[in-house]
Protein backbone atom coordinates (compact mmCIF):
# COMPACT_ATOMS: atom_id res chain seq x y z
CA MET A 1 8.34 -17.61 13.01
CA ARG A 2 5.38 -19.95 12.67
CA ASN A 3 2.82 -17.39 13.92
CA ARG A 4 0.64 -16.07 11.06
CA VAL A 5 0.94 -12.59 12.73
CA ASP A 6 4.56 -12.52 11.90
CA LEU A 7 3.63 -13.25 8.09
CA ILE A 8 1.09 -10.58 7.96
CA VAL A 9 3.35 -7.67 9.77
CA TYR A 10 6.07 -8.76 7.30
CA LEU A 11 3.97 -8.48 4.09
CA VAL A 12 2.21 -5.32 5.26
CA ILE A 13 5.52 -3.64 5.81
CA ALA A 14 7.13 -5.03 2.62
CA PHE A 15 4.38 -4.19 0.26
CA GLY A 16 3.40 -0.92 1.94
CA GLY A 17 6.85 0.36 1.92
CA ALA A 18 7.07 -0.44 -1.85
CA TRP A 19 4.22 1.55 -2.57
CA LEU A 20 5.16 4.37 -0.44
CA ALA A 21 8.65 4.52 -2.05
CA ALA A 22 7.10 4.41 -5.65
CA ILE A 23 4.86 7.36 -5.15
CA PRO A 24 7.26 9.78 -7.05
CA LEU A 25 7.33 7.22 -9.95
CA TRP A 26 3.49 7.29 -10.39
CA THR A 27 3.47 11.08 -10.27
CA GLN A 28 6.33 11.95 -12.22
CA GLY A 29 6.86 8.47 -14.65
CA LEU A 30 9.73 6.01 -14.71
CA GLN A 31 12.00 8.90 -16.05
CA SER A 32 11.71 10.54 -12.86
CA THR A 33 15.25 11.81 -11.48
CA ALA A 34 13.62 10.07 -8.16
CA LEU A 35 14.02 6.67 -9.67
CA PRO A 36 17.28 5.53 -8.03
CA LEU A 37 16.15 6.58 -4.63
CA SER A 38 12.76 5.14 -5.09
CA LEU A 39 14.39 1.91 -6.06
CA ALA A 40 16.68 1.84 -3.14
CA ALA A 41 13.98 2.67 -0.65
CA MET A 42 11.97 0.06 -2.10
CA GLN A 43 14.49 -2.72 -1.57
CA VAL A 44 14.78 -1.53 1.93
CA SER A 45 11.34 -2.46 2.59
CA PRO A 46 11.65 -6.19 3.15
CA THR A 47 14.42 -5.82 5.39
CA LEU A 48 12.31 -3.45 7.54
CA GLY A 49 9.24 -6.03 7.50
CA VAL A 50 12.14 -8.64 8.77
CA LEU A 51 13.15 -6.12 11.78
CA ALA A 52 9.57 -5.67 12.37
CA VAL A 53 8.86 -9.18 12.89
CA TRP A 54 11.86 -9.66 15.05
CA SER A 55 10.54 -6.71 17.15
CA VAL A 56 7.21 -8.65 17.51
CA THR A 57 9.02 -12.00 18.31
CA ALA A 58 11.22 -10.16 20.94
CA LEU A 59 8.07 -8.52 22.57
CA ARG A 60 6.46 -12.07 22.80
CA LYS A 61 9.76 -13.36 24.65
CA ASP A 62 9.64 -16.19 21.93
CA PRO A 63 13.15 -17.96 22.11
CA ALA A 64 13.42 -17.55 18.33
CA ALA A 65 14.39 -14.03 18.60
CA ARG A 66 17.61 -14.93 20.17
CA ARG A 67 18.51 -17.08 17.12
CA TRP A 68 17.12 -14.87 14.59
CA ALA A 69 20.49 -14.36 12.66
CA ARG A 70 20.61 -18.09 12.16
CA LEU A 71 16.96 -18.62 11.42
CA THR A 72 16.95 -15.84 8.61
CA GLY A 73 20.27 -16.91 7.07
CA LEU A 74 22.60 -14.18 8.21
CA THR A 75 25.17 -16.74 9.26
CA PHE A 76 27.30 -18.83 6.80
CA GLY A 77 25.32 -21.79 7.64
CA ASP A 78 26.67 -25.34 9.00
CA ARG A 79 29.53 -25.49 6.57
CA PRO A 80 30.87 -22.05 5.83
CA GLY A 81 33.24 -23.13 3.39
CA ARG A 82 30.84 -24.86 1.09
CA THR A 83 28.77 -21.41 1.39
CA ILE A 84 31.66 -19.59 0.11
CA GLY A 85 32.17 -21.98 -2.73
CA TYR A 86 28.61 -21.50 -3.67
CA LEU A 87 28.79 -17.84 -3.24
CA ALA A 88 31.93 -17.64 -5.50
CA ALA A 89 30.30 -19.94 -8.26
CA THR A 90 26.96 -17.85 -8.29
CA TRP A 91 29.07 -14.60 -8.66
CA ALA A 92 30.60 -16.16 -11.85
CA GLY A 93 27.84 -18.30 -12.97
CA ILE A 94 24.82 -15.84 -13.08
CA PRO A 95 26.91 -13.40 -15.60
CA VAL A 96 27.80 -16.36 -17.67
CA LEU A 97 24.18 -17.62 -17.95
CA ILE A 98 23.13 -14.00 -18.88
CA ALA A 99 25.74 -13.88 -21.68
CA VAL A 100 24.50 -17.35 -22.87
CA VAL A 101 20.84 -15.99 -22.91
CA ILE A 102 22.11 -12.78 -24.88
CA ALA A 103 23.88 -14.96 -27.45
CA VAL A 104 20.87 -17.26 -27.87
CA SER A 105 18.59 -14.28 -28.06
CA ALA A 106 20.90 -12.75 -30.94
CA LEU A 107 21.12 -15.99 -32.89
CA PHE A 108 17.16 -16.17 -32.90
CA GLY A 109 17.17 -12.62 -34.13
CA VAL A 110 15.32 -11.20 -30.95
CA PHE A 111 18.37 -9.13 -29.55
CA PRO A 112 19.96 -6.89 -31.93
CA THR A 113 23.81 -6.82 -31.29
CA ASP A 114 26.62 -5.08 -32.64
CA LEU A 115 29.93 -6.64 -31.30
CA ALA A 116 32.09 -5.47 -34.24
CA GLY A 117 31.18 -1.70 -33.91
CA LEU A 118 29.94 -1.63 -30.35
CA SER A 119 27.45 0.92 -31.61
CA GLY A 120 25.35 0.80 -28.40
CA TYR A 121 28.33 1.03 -25.95
CA ARG A 122 29.78 3.93 -28.10
CA LEU A 123 26.58 5.77 -27.61
CA ALA A 124 27.15 6.16 -23.98
CA PHE A 125 31.05 6.25 -24.34
CA PRO A 126 32.03 7.74 -27.84
CA GLN A 127 35.75 6.98 -27.35
CA GLY A 128 35.33 3.64 -26.12
CA THR A 129 37.13 0.75 -27.66
CA HIS A 130 36.94 -3.12 -27.58
CA ALA A 131 39.42 -3.04 -24.87
CA THR A 132 37.78 -0.68 -22.57
CA ALA A 133 34.54 -2.48 -23.19
CA ALA A 134 36.25 -5.60 -22.20
CA VAL A 135 37.49 -3.89 -19.10
CA GLY A 136 34.16 -2.25 -18.27
CA THR A 137 32.43 -5.55 -18.72
CA LEU A 138 34.74 -7.31 -16.13
CA THR A 139 34.58 -4.23 -13.84
CA GLY A 140 30.84 -4.43 -13.90
CA ILE A 141 30.54 -8.12 -13.22
CA VAL A 142 33.20 -8.19 -10.42
CA VAL A 143 33.41 -4.67 -8.72
CA THR A 144 29.67 -3.44 -9.28
CA THR A 145 28.22 -6.67 -8.04
CA LEU A 146 29.52 -5.84 -4.58
CA PHE A 147 27.73 -2.49 -4.65
CA THR A 148 24.33 -3.88 -6.22
CA SER A 149 24.55 -6.63 -3.54
CA VAL A 150 24.23 -4.06 -0.77
CA THR A 151 20.59 -3.09 -1.99
CA ALA A 152 19.98 -6.61 -3.15
CA PHE A 153 20.36 -7.69 0.52
CA GLY A 154 17.29 -5.62 1.39
CA GLU A 155 15.29 -7.71 -0.59
CA GLU A 156 16.98 -11.21 -0.05
CA TRP A 157 17.12 -11.00 3.77
CA GLY A 158 13.04 -10.80 3.60
CA TRP A 159 12.19 -12.97 0.64
CA ARG A 160 14.80 -15.52 0.86
CA GLY A 161 16.16 -15.10 4.38
CA PHE A 162 12.55 -14.96 6.21
CA LEU A 163 9.71 -15.69 3.74
CA LEU A 164 10.83 -18.90 2.23
CA PRO A 165 11.66 -20.95 5.23
CA ARG A 166 8.22 -19.74 6.61
CA LEU A 167 6.68 -21.35 3.78
CA LEU A 168 8.62 -24.69 3.56
CA PRO A 169 6.13 -26.62 5.82
CA PHE A 170 3.95 -26.44 2.49
CA GLY A 171 6.54 -28.33 0.78
CA TYR A 172 9.57 -27.35 -1.44
CA GLY A 173 8.08 -26.67 -4.72
CA ARG A 174 4.96 -24.88 -3.28
CA ALA A 175 7.28 -22.79 -0.98
CA ILE A 176 9.36 -21.83 -4.07
CA LEU A 177 6.46 -20.92 -6.20
CA THR A 178 4.46 -19.07 -3.40
CA SER A 179 7.66 -16.85 -2.51
CA GLY A 180 8.14 -16.44 -6.14
CA LEU A 181 4.86 -15.07 -6.74
CA ILE A 182 4.79 -12.89 -3.91
CA TRP A 183 8.18 -11.50 -4.72
CA GLY A 184 6.86 -10.74 -8.50
CA LEU A 185 3.56 -8.95 -6.94
CA TRP A 186 5.89 -6.95 -4.71
CA HIS A 187 7.47 -5.10 -7.73
CA ALA A 188 3.89 -4.20 -8.97
CA PRO A 189 4.45 -0.46 -8.15
CA LEU A 190 7.19 -0.72 -10.92
CA THR A 191 6.00 -3.31 -13.33
CA LEU A 192 2.43 -1.61 -13.82
CA LEU A 193 4.34 1.11 -15.19
CA GLY A 194 5.90 -1.22 -17.76
CA TRP A 195 9.32 -1.81 -15.83
CA ASN A 196 11.67 -3.91 -18.03
CA TYR A 197 9.24 -4.42 -20.76
CA PRO A 198 8.89 -0.96 -22.75
CA GLY A 199 5.46 -0.53 -24.29
CA LEU A 200 3.74 -3.26 -22.41
CA GLY A 201 2.24 -1.00 -19.75
CA PRO A 202 0.53 -2.59 -16.86
CA TRP A 203 0.78 -6.11 -18.46
CA ALA A 204 4.46 -6.05 -17.55
CA VAL A 205 3.32 -7.45 -14.11
CA LEU A 206 2.50 -10.86 -15.69
CA PRO A 207 5.98 -11.82 -17.40
CA PHE A 208 7.92 -10.25 -14.72
CA THR A 209 6.25 -12.16 -12.05
CA VAL A 210 7.04 -15.51 -13.87
CA PHE A 211 10.50 -14.14 -14.04
CA CYS A 212 10.68 -13.62 -10.32
CA VAL A 213 9.29 -17.21 -9.89
CA VAL A 214 12.00 -18.82 -12.00
CA ILE A 215 15.11 -16.91 -10.69
CA GLY A 216 13.48 -17.04 -7.34
CA ALA A 217 13.82 -20.98 -7.60
CA VAL A 218 17.71 -20.47 -8.24
CA LEU A 219 18.17 -17.95 -5.42
CA GLY A 220 15.86 -19.97 -3.16
CA TRP A 221 17.88 -23.03 -3.80
CA LEU A 222 21.02 -21.38 -2.71
CA ARG A 223 19.54 -20.12 0.35
CA LEU A 224 18.24 -23.18 1.52
CA ARG A 225 21.19 -25.63 0.16
CA THR A 226 23.67 -23.53 2.58
CA GLY A 227 21.32 -22.39 5.23
CA SER A 228 22.73 -18.75 4.52
CA VAL A 229 21.43 -15.79 2.57
CA TRP A 230 24.50 -14.56 1.17
CA PRO A 231 24.74 -16.60 -1.87
CA ALA A 232 21.42 -15.49 -2.96
CA VAL A 233 22.31 -11.89 -2.23
CA ILE A 234 25.50 -12.14 -4.41
CA GLY A 235 23.21 -13.74 -7.24
CA HIS A 236 20.94 -11.17 -6.98
CA GLY A 237 23.54 -8.57 -6.94
CA ALA A 238 25.33 -10.03 -9.98
CA LEU A 239 22.08 -10.28 -11.67
CA ASN A 240 21.49 -6.55 -11.34
CA ALA A 241 25.10 -5.80 -12.30
CA ALA A 242 25.46 -7.94 -15.11
CA VAL A 243 22.30 -7.30 -17.04
CA PRO A 244 22.78 -3.40 -17.57
CA THR A 245 26.81 -4.08 -18.24
CA LEU A 246 26.15 -6.67 -20.77
CA TYR A 247 23.29 -5.14 -22.63
CA LEU A 248 25.21 -1.94 -22.57
CA VAL A 249 28.25 -3.56 -24.27
CA VAL A 250 26.59 -5.72 -27.04
CA SER A 251 23.51 -3.88 -27.92
CA ALA A 252 23.16 -2.21 -31.41
CA SER A 253 22.33 1.39 -31.06
CA GLY A 254 18.81 2.40 -31.47
CA ARG A 255 17.43 -1.19 -31.59
CA LEU A 256 15.96 -2.75 -28.34
CA PRO A 257 15.70 -6.47 -27.75
CA ASP A 258 12.28 -8.06 -27.92
CA SER A 259 11.20 -7.78 -24.23
CA LEU A 260 8.85 -10.72 -24.38
CA LEU A 261 11.23 -13.16 -26.12
CA GLY A 262 14.65 -11.96 -26.12
CA GLY A 263 17.13 -11.18 -23.38
CA VAL A 264 17.11 -12.09 -19.60
CA PHE A 265 13.46 -10.91 -19.05
CA GLY A 266 11.99 -12.55 -22.08
CA ALA A 267 11.04 -16.29 -22.98
CA ILE A 268 14.61 -17.25 -23.60
CA GLY A 269 15.72 -15.74 -20.26
CA LEU A 270 12.84 -17.55 -18.42
CA LEU A 271 13.65 -20.88 -19.97
CA ALA A 272 17.29 -20.72 -19.14
CA PHE A 273 16.73 -19.72 -15.57
CA GLY A 274 13.70 -22.02 -15.28
CA ALA A 275 15.71 -24.86 -16.57
CA LEU A 276 18.64 -24.05 -13.90
CA GLY A 277 16.22 -24.00 -11.19
CA LEU A 278 14.45 -27.39 -12.03
CA ALA A 279 18.07 -29.05 -12.55
CA LEU A 280 19.21 -27.79 -9.11
CA ALA A 281 16.38 -29.03 -7.32
CA ARG A 282 16.65 -32.47 -9.11
CA VAL A 283 20.37 -33.23 -8.81
CA ARG A 284 21.17 -31.58 -5.41
CA PRO A 285 17.90 -31.12 -3.73
CA ALA A 286 17.72 -28.18 -1.13
CA ALA A 287 18.37 -29.13 2.36
CA PRO A 288 15.56 -28.70 4.62
């Protein structure tokens, strides 16, 4: 895994696959019906990169090919029980932190909410009640995470499973920063179109790359602490499930949060996840 050729092969396939998958979006826009398929195809590209590197490693008859599952975090690490504990804590903790971010954003007036009338939720579900919203939220966080984690694995095996350990010889901080920057730039086929930042256009690349660095610090710490990619997979899946679920339930109809200040992808979210990443690194440093 130390050969530079491995890194080049991985990045070419991951980035090339992302751009190929996004071609329909560049011709039809983010409103294209091809969006779900393009997103799924993009998320597979890092895994294809890992498989390509494994193939190169095997062709070189490198002994590392036989230890590939362990080297890339497919096992549960040296202490499976602890890994499962971190996995469960991540599954519950990520949605809680997202809820806190939304609450703080609402307090500062940069995330319009309507908890009393549920106008945003009822726009999608006209017969919805507070009870159905509560059940939907719980389902979205607990059950939907299982489905979103399937596609999240496509990314996490590449970014946290392969790339992050590959960068560790440069130091923990630099590895986290560099892998986060690369991960953020990999999203460029989407963010150049304004993904997650309506109206911002190509400039969306900048804030979303910062977001990838800060959330990558949390997911990366989980990967290195446990020796397993699975807590990071669940963390990524929980993020992808909880954000749309919580946004739908609490948002005020017809009013969007300030994309640069409020919500998970705004400044408040960046501060929250950034603080968590720094706290994890200081209190319980990641294992080498």
